[in-house]
C-alpha atoms as a PDB file:
ATOM      1  CA  MET A   1     -23.664  -7.289 -51.716  1.00  0.00           C
ATOM      2  CA  ALA A   2     -23.311  -3.741 -50.292  1.00  0.00           C
ATOM      3  CA  ALA A   3     -20.038  -2.794 -50.003  1.00  0.00           C
ATOM      4  CA  SER A   4     -18.954  -1.973 -46.060  1.00  0.00           C
ATOM      5  CA  THR A   5     -18.290   1.473 -45.677  1.00  0.00           C
ATOM      6  CA  ALA A   6     -17.891   2.336 -41.910  1.00  0.00           C
ATOM      7  CA  GLN A   7     -17.833  -0.324 -38.975  1.00  0.00           C
ATOM      8  CA  ASP A   8     -19.090   0.769 -35.486  1.00  0.00           C
ATOM      9  CA  ILE A   9     -15.899   0.469 -33.119  1.00  0.00           C
ATOM     10  CA  GLU A  10     -16.735   0.536 -29.147  1.00  0.00           C
ATOM     11  CA  PRO A  11     -14.284   3.214 -27.780  1.00  0.00           C
ATOM     12  CA  VAL A  12     -11.504   2.016 -25.420  1.00  0.00           C
ATOM     13  CA  GLN A  13     -11.538   2.967 -21.974  1.00  0.00           C
ATOM     14  CA  ILE A  14      -8.330   3.761 -20.337  1.00  0.00           C
ATOM     15  CA  MET A  15      -8.946   2.483 -16.637  1.00  0.00           C
ATOM     16  CA  ARG A  16      -7.729   5.154 -14.205  1.00  0.00           C
ATOM     17  CA  SER A  17      -5.618   3.021 -11.623  1.00  0.00           C
ATOM     18  CA  GLY A  18      -2.751   3.397  -9.167  1.00  0.00           C
ATOM     19  CA  ALA A  19       0.080   1.137  -7.663  1.00  0.00           C
ATOM     20  CA  MET A  20       1.543   1.014  -4.276  1.00  0.00           C
ATOM     21  CA  SER A  21       4.745  -0.558  -3.134  1.00  0.00           C
ATOM     22  CA  VAL A  22       7.309  -0.773  -0.214  1.00  0.00           C
ATOM     23  CA  PRO A  23      10.677  -0.173  -1.548  1.00  0.00           C
ATOM     24  CA  HIS A  24      13.359  -1.706   0.882  1.00  0.00           C
ATOM     25  CA  SER A  25      10.439  -4.120   2.444  1.00  0.00           C
ATOM     26  CA  ARG A  26      12.437  -6.232   4.936  1.00  0.00           C
ATOM     27  CA  THR A  27      13.334  -4.177   8.018  1.00  0.00           C
ATOM     28  CA  THR A  28      14.881  -5.501  11.707  1.00  0.00           C
ATOM     29  CA  LEU A  29      13.128  -4.180  14.806  1.00  0.00           C
ATOM     30  CA  LEU A  30      14.507  -4.384  18.484  1.00  0.00           C
ATOM     31  CA  ARG A  31      11.852  -5.038  21.122  1.00  0.00           C
ATOM     32  CA  GLY A  32      11.185  -1.778  22.615  1.00  0.00           C
ATOM     33  CA  ARG A  33      11.833  -0.119  19.808  1.00  0.00           C
ATOM     34  CA  ALA A  34      10.433   1.458  16.481  1.00  0.00           C
ATOM     35  CA  VAL A  35      11.106   1.516  12.575  1.00  0.00           C
ATOM     36  CA  THR A  36       9.935   3.299   9.867  1.00  0.00           C
ATOM     37  CA  TYR A  37       8.943   2.139   6.184  1.00  0.00           C
ATOM     38  CA  THR A  38       8.117   4.678   3.156  1.00  0.00           C
ATOM     39  CA  VAL A  39       5.005   3.550   1.338  1.00  0.00           C
ATOM     40  CA  SER A  40       4.842   4.663  -2.473  1.00  0.00           C
ATOM     41  CA  THR A  41       1.571   5.049  -3.936  1.00  0.00           C
ATOM     42  CA  SER A  42       1.374   6.043  -7.657  1.00  0.00           C
ATOM     43  CA  ALA A  43      -1.435   7.626 -10.189  1.00  0.00           C
ATOM     44  CA  ILE A  44      -1.716   5.899 -12.878  1.00  0.00           C
ATOM     45  CA  GLY A  45      -3.786   7.048 -15.781  1.00  0.00           C
ATOM     46  CA  GLY A  46      -5.166  10.161 -14.310  1.00  0.00           C
ATOM     47  CA  PHE A  47      -5.838   8.459 -10.828  1.00  0.00           C
ATOM     48  CA  THR A  48      -6.739  11.121  -8.304  1.00  0.00           C
ATOM     49  CA  GLU A  49      -8.349   9.831  -5.341  1.00  0.00           C
ATOM     50  CA  ALA A  50      -7.488   9.903  -1.991  1.00  0.00           C
ATOM     51  CA  VAL A  51      -6.001   6.812  -0.399  1.00  0.00           C
ATOM     52  CA  ALA A  52      -6.340   5.347   2.943  1.00  0.00           C
ATOM     53  CA  LEU A  53      -4.222   2.871   4.086  1.00  0.00           C
ATOM     54  CA  LYS A  54      -4.099   0.362   6.910  1.00  0.00           C
ATOM     55  CA  VAL A  55      -1.701  -2.857   7.923  1.00  0.00           C
ATOM     56  CA  THR A  56      -2.865  -6.097   9.002  1.00  0.00           C
ATOM     57  CA  GLY A  57      -0.538  -9.126  10.438  1.00  0.00           C
ATOM     58  CA  LEU A  58       1.516  -7.060  13.142  1.00  0.00           C
ATOM     59  CA  PRO A  59       2.720  -9.340  15.893  1.00  0.00           C
ATOM     60  CA  THR A  60       0.763  -9.384  19.349  1.00  0.00           C
ATOM     61  CA  GLY A  61       2.505  -6.177  21.468  1.00  0.00           C
ATOM     62  CA  SER A  62       3.286  -4.054  18.215  1.00  0.00           C
ATOM     63  CA  SER A  63       1.303  -0.932  16.491  1.00  0.00           C
ATOM     64  CA  ALA A  64       1.680   0.769  13.473  1.00  0.00           C
ATOM     65  CA  SER A  65       0.540   4.179  12.098  1.00  0.00           C
ATOM     66  CA  PHE A  66       0.685   6.033   8.594  1.00  0.00           C
ATOM     67  CA  THR A  67       1.647   9.869   8.261  1.00  0.00           C
ATOM     68  CA  PRO A  68      -0.014  11.032   6.557  1.00  0.00           C
ATOM     69  CA  ASN A  69      -3.429   8.664   6.421  1.00  0.00           C
ATOM     70  CA  PRO A  70      -5.201   9.091   4.077  1.00  0.00           C
ATOM     71  CA  VAL A  71      -2.628   9.972   1.226  1.00  0.00           C
ATOM     72  CA  SER A  72      -2.930  11.657  -2.239  1.00  0.00           C
ATOM     73  CA  ALA A  73      -2.675   9.469  -5.124  1.00  0.00           C
ATOM     74  CA  SER A  74       0.716  10.003  -5.303  1.00  0.00           C
ATOM     75  CA  GLY A  75       2.472  10.297  -2.438  1.00  0.00           C
ATOM     76  CA  ALA A  76       5.258   8.557  -0.106  1.00  0.00           C
ATOM     77  CA  PRO A  77       3.467   8.308   3.713  1.00  0.00           C
ATOM     78  CA  THR A  78       5.583   6.647   6.303  1.00  0.00           C
ATOM     79  CA  LEU A  79       4.340   3.545   8.215  1.00  0.00           C
ATOM     80  CA  ARG A  80       6.024   3.655  11.626  1.00  0.00           C
ATOM     81  CA  VAL A  81       6.318   0.153  13.591  1.00  0.00           C
ATOM     82  CA  SER A  82       6.945  -0.102  17.434  1.00  0.00           C
ATOM     83  CA  ALA A  83       7.207  -3.073  19.238  1.00  0.00           C
ATOM     84  CA  ALA A  84       6.797  -3.498  23.290  1.00  0.00           C
ATOM     85  CA  GLY A  85       9.246  -5.295  25.198  1.00  0.00           C
ATOM     86  CA  ARG A  86       6.921  -8.391  25.370  1.00  0.00           C
ATOM     87  CA  THR A  87       6.529  -8.601  21.481  1.00  0.00           C
ATOM     88  CA  PRO A  88       7.652 -11.949  20.176  1.00  0.00           C
ATOM     89  CA  ARG A  89      10.412 -12.370  18.187  1.00  0.00           C
ATOM     90  CA  GLY A  90      10.352 -13.891  14.823  1.00  0.00           C
ATOM     91  CA  THR A  91       9.452 -13.028  11.250  1.00  0.00           C
ATOM     92  CA  PHE A  92       6.267 -11.338  10.400  1.00  0.00           C
ATOM     93  CA  THR A  93       4.345 -10.558   7.068  1.00  0.00           C
ATOM     94  CA  MET A  94       2.586  -7.360   7.370  1.00  0.00           C
ATOM     95  CA  ALA A  95      -0.271  -6.764   4.558  1.00  0.00           C
ATOM     96  CA  ILE A  96      -0.571  -3.103   3.917  1.00  0.00           C
ATOM     97  CA  THR A  97      -3.777  -1.963   2.280  1.00  0.00           C
ATOM     98  CA  GLY A  98      -5.024   1.193   0.055  1.00  0.00           C
ATOM     99  CA  ILE A  99      -8.333   1.716  -0.303  1.00  0.00           C
ATOM    100  CA  SER A 100      -9.974   4.420  -2.262  1.00  0.00           C
ATOM    101  CA  ALA A 101     -13.267   5.240  -3.484  1.00  0.00           C
ATOM    102  CA  SER A 102     -13.325   3.003  -6.513  1.00  0.00           C
ATOM    103  CA  LEU A 103      -9.768   0.886  -5.872  1.00  0.00           C
ATOM    104  CA  VAL A 104      -7.993  -1.358  -3.291  1.00  0.00           C
ATOM    105  CA  HIS A 105      -4.542  -2.298  -3.792  1.00  0.00           C
ATOM    106  CA  HIS A 106      -2.421  -4.355  -1.646  1.00  0.00           C
ATOM    107  CA  THR A 107       1.303  -4.823  -0.813  1.00  0.00           C
ATOM    108  CA  THR A 108       3.456  -6.695   1.775  1.00  0.00           C
ATOM    109  CA  ALA A 109       6.374  -5.775   4.243  1.00  0.00           C
ATOM    110  CA  THR A 110       8.570  -8.322   6.292  1.00  0.00           C
ATOM    111  CA  LEU A 111       9.053  -7.486   9.881  1.00  0.00           C
ATOM    112  CA  VAL A 112      11.649  -9.314  11.717  1.00  0.00           C
ATOM    113  CA  VAL A 113      11.533  -8.729  15.449  1.00  0.00           C
ATOM    114  CA  ARG A 114      14.722  -9.612  17.743  1.00  0.00           C
END
Protein backbone atom coordinates (compact mmCIF):
# COMPACT_ATOMS: atom_id res chain seq x y z
CA MET A 1 0.00 0.00 0.00
CA ALA A 2 1.45 3.34 -1.04
CA ALA A 3 1.78 6.05 1.55
CA SER A 4 -0.27 9.16 1.00
CA THR A 5 1.96 12.18 0.53
CA ALA A 6 -0.52 14.95 -0.24
CA GLN A 7 -4.19 15.55 -0.34
CA ASP A 8 -6.13 17.94 -2.50
CA ILE A 9 -7.84 20.44 -0.27
CA GLU A 10 -10.54 22.61 -1.71
CA PRO A 11 -9.94 26.29 -0.96
CA VAL A 12 -12.37 27.90 1.44
CA GLN A 13 -14.00 31.01 0.08
CA ILE A 14 -14.67 33.82 2.48
CA MET A 15 -18.09 35.10 1.50
CA ARG A 16 -18.36 38.83 1.09
CA SER A 17 -21.39 40.03 2.93
CA GLY A 18 -23.01 42.87 4.73
CA ALA A 19 -25.30 43.58 7.64
CA MET A 20 -28.10 46.05 8.16
CA SER A 21 -29.83 47.20 11.33
CA VAL A 22 -31.93 50.00 12.78
CA PRO A 23 -30.82 50.92 16.31
CA HIS A 24 -33.66 52.32 18.45
CA SER A 25 -36.12 50.84 16.00
CA ARG A 26 -39.40 51.72 17.78
CA THR A 27 -40.54 55.31 17.30
CA THR A 28 -43.79 57.15 17.95
CA LEU A 29 -45.07 59.46 15.22
CA LEU A 30 -47.81 62.02 15.70
CA ARG A 31 -50.12 62.42 12.74
CA GLY A 32 -49.17 65.42 10.63
CA ARG A 33 -45.49 65.15 11.66
CA ALA A 34 -42.34 63.26 10.67
CA VAL A 35 -39.75 61.08 12.41
CA THR A 36 -36.34 59.81 11.37
CA TYR A 37 -34.55 56.50 11.83
CA THR A 38 -30.85 55.88 11.28
CA VAL A 39 -30.26 52.72 9.26
CA SER A 40 -26.82 51.18 9.75
CA THR A 41 -25.22 49.28 6.87
CA SER A 42 -21.97 47.42 7.53
CA ALA A 43 -19.52 45.80 5.13
CA ILE A 44 -18.19 42.36 6.07
CA GLY A 45 -15.33 40.51 4.41
CA GLY A 46 -14.46 43.17 1.83
CA PHE A 47 -17.99 43.83 0.62
CA THR A 48 -17.93 47.11 -1.37
CA GLU A 49 -21.15 47.27 -3.38
CA ALA A 50 -23.63 50.14 -3.19
CA VAL A 51 -26.87 49.25 -1.40
CA ALA A 52 -30.28 50.52 -2.59
CA LEU A 53 -32.84 50.84 0.19
CA LYS A 54 -36.61 50.46 0.18
CA VAL A 55 -39.30 50.28 2.85
CA THR A 56 -42.68 48.53 2.89
CA GLY A 57 -45.42 48.18 5.49
CA LEU A 58 -46.13 51.89 5.88
CA PRO A 59 -49.65 52.86 6.94
CA THR A 60 -51.97 54.52 4.43
CA GLY A 61 -51.35 58.26 4.24
CA SER A 62 -47.69 58.09 5.17
CA SER A 63 -44.55 58.37 3.06
CA ALA A 64 -40.89 57.53 3.48
CA SER A 65 -37.55 58.44 1.94
CA PHE A 66 -33.91 57.50 2.51
CA THR A 67 -31.02 59.98 2.41
CA PRO A 68 -28.75 59.04 0.75
CA ASN A 69 -30.11 56.26 -1.43
CA PRO A 70 -28.26 54.22 -2.59
CA VAL A 71 -25.76 54.12 0.26
CA SER A 72 -22.17 52.86 0.32
CA ALA A 73 -21.49 49.39 1.72
CA SER A 74 -20.79 50.88 5.17
CA GLY A 75 -22.98 53.84 5.92
CA ALA A 76 -25.69 55.39 8.04
CA PRO A 77 -28.52 56.63 5.82
CA THR A 78 -31.51 58.35 7.37
CA LEU A 79 -35.03 57.04 6.86
CA ARG A 80 -37.59 59.85 7.16
CA VAL A 81 -41.22 58.80 7.67
CA SER A 82 -44.01 61.36 7.61
CA ALA A 83 -47.69 60.87 8.39
CA ALA A 84 -50.60 62.90 7.03
CA GLY A 85 -53.39 64.01 9.34
CA ARG A 86 -55.57 61.11 8.18
CA THR A 87 -52.97 58.38 8.67
CA PRO A 88 -54.60 55.67 10.80
CA ARG A 89 -53.44 55.33 14.39
CA GLY A 90 -51.79 52.08 15.38
CA THR A 91 -48.56 50.11 15.48
CA PHE A 92 -46.98 49.17 12.15
CA THR A 93 -43.97 47.01 11.33
CA MET A 94 -41.94 48.46 8.50
CA ALA A 95 -39.76 46.09 6.49
CA ILE A 96 -36.54 47.73 5.35
CA THR A 97 -34.70 46.02 2.51
CA GLY A 98 -31.18 46.67 1.29
CA ILE A 99 -30.38 45.39 -2.21
CA SER A 100 -26.96 45.26 -3.85
CA ALA A 101 -25.82 43.56 -7.03
CA SER A 102 -25.20 40.29 -5.16
CA LEU A 103 -27.05 40.42 -1.81
CA VAL A 104 -30.37 41.23 -0.21
CA HIS A 105 -30.66 42.06 3.49
CA HIS A 106 -33.77 42.74 5.58
CA THR A 107 -34.47 44.38 8.90
CA THR A 108 -37.55 45.82 10.56
CA ALA A 109 -38.52 48.92 12.49
CA THR A 110 -41.71 49.67 14.41
CA LEU A 111 -43.74 52.81 13.81
CA VAL A 112 -46.39 53.82 16.35
CA VAL A 113 -48.79 56.41 14.91
CA ARG A 114 -50.79 58.50 17.39
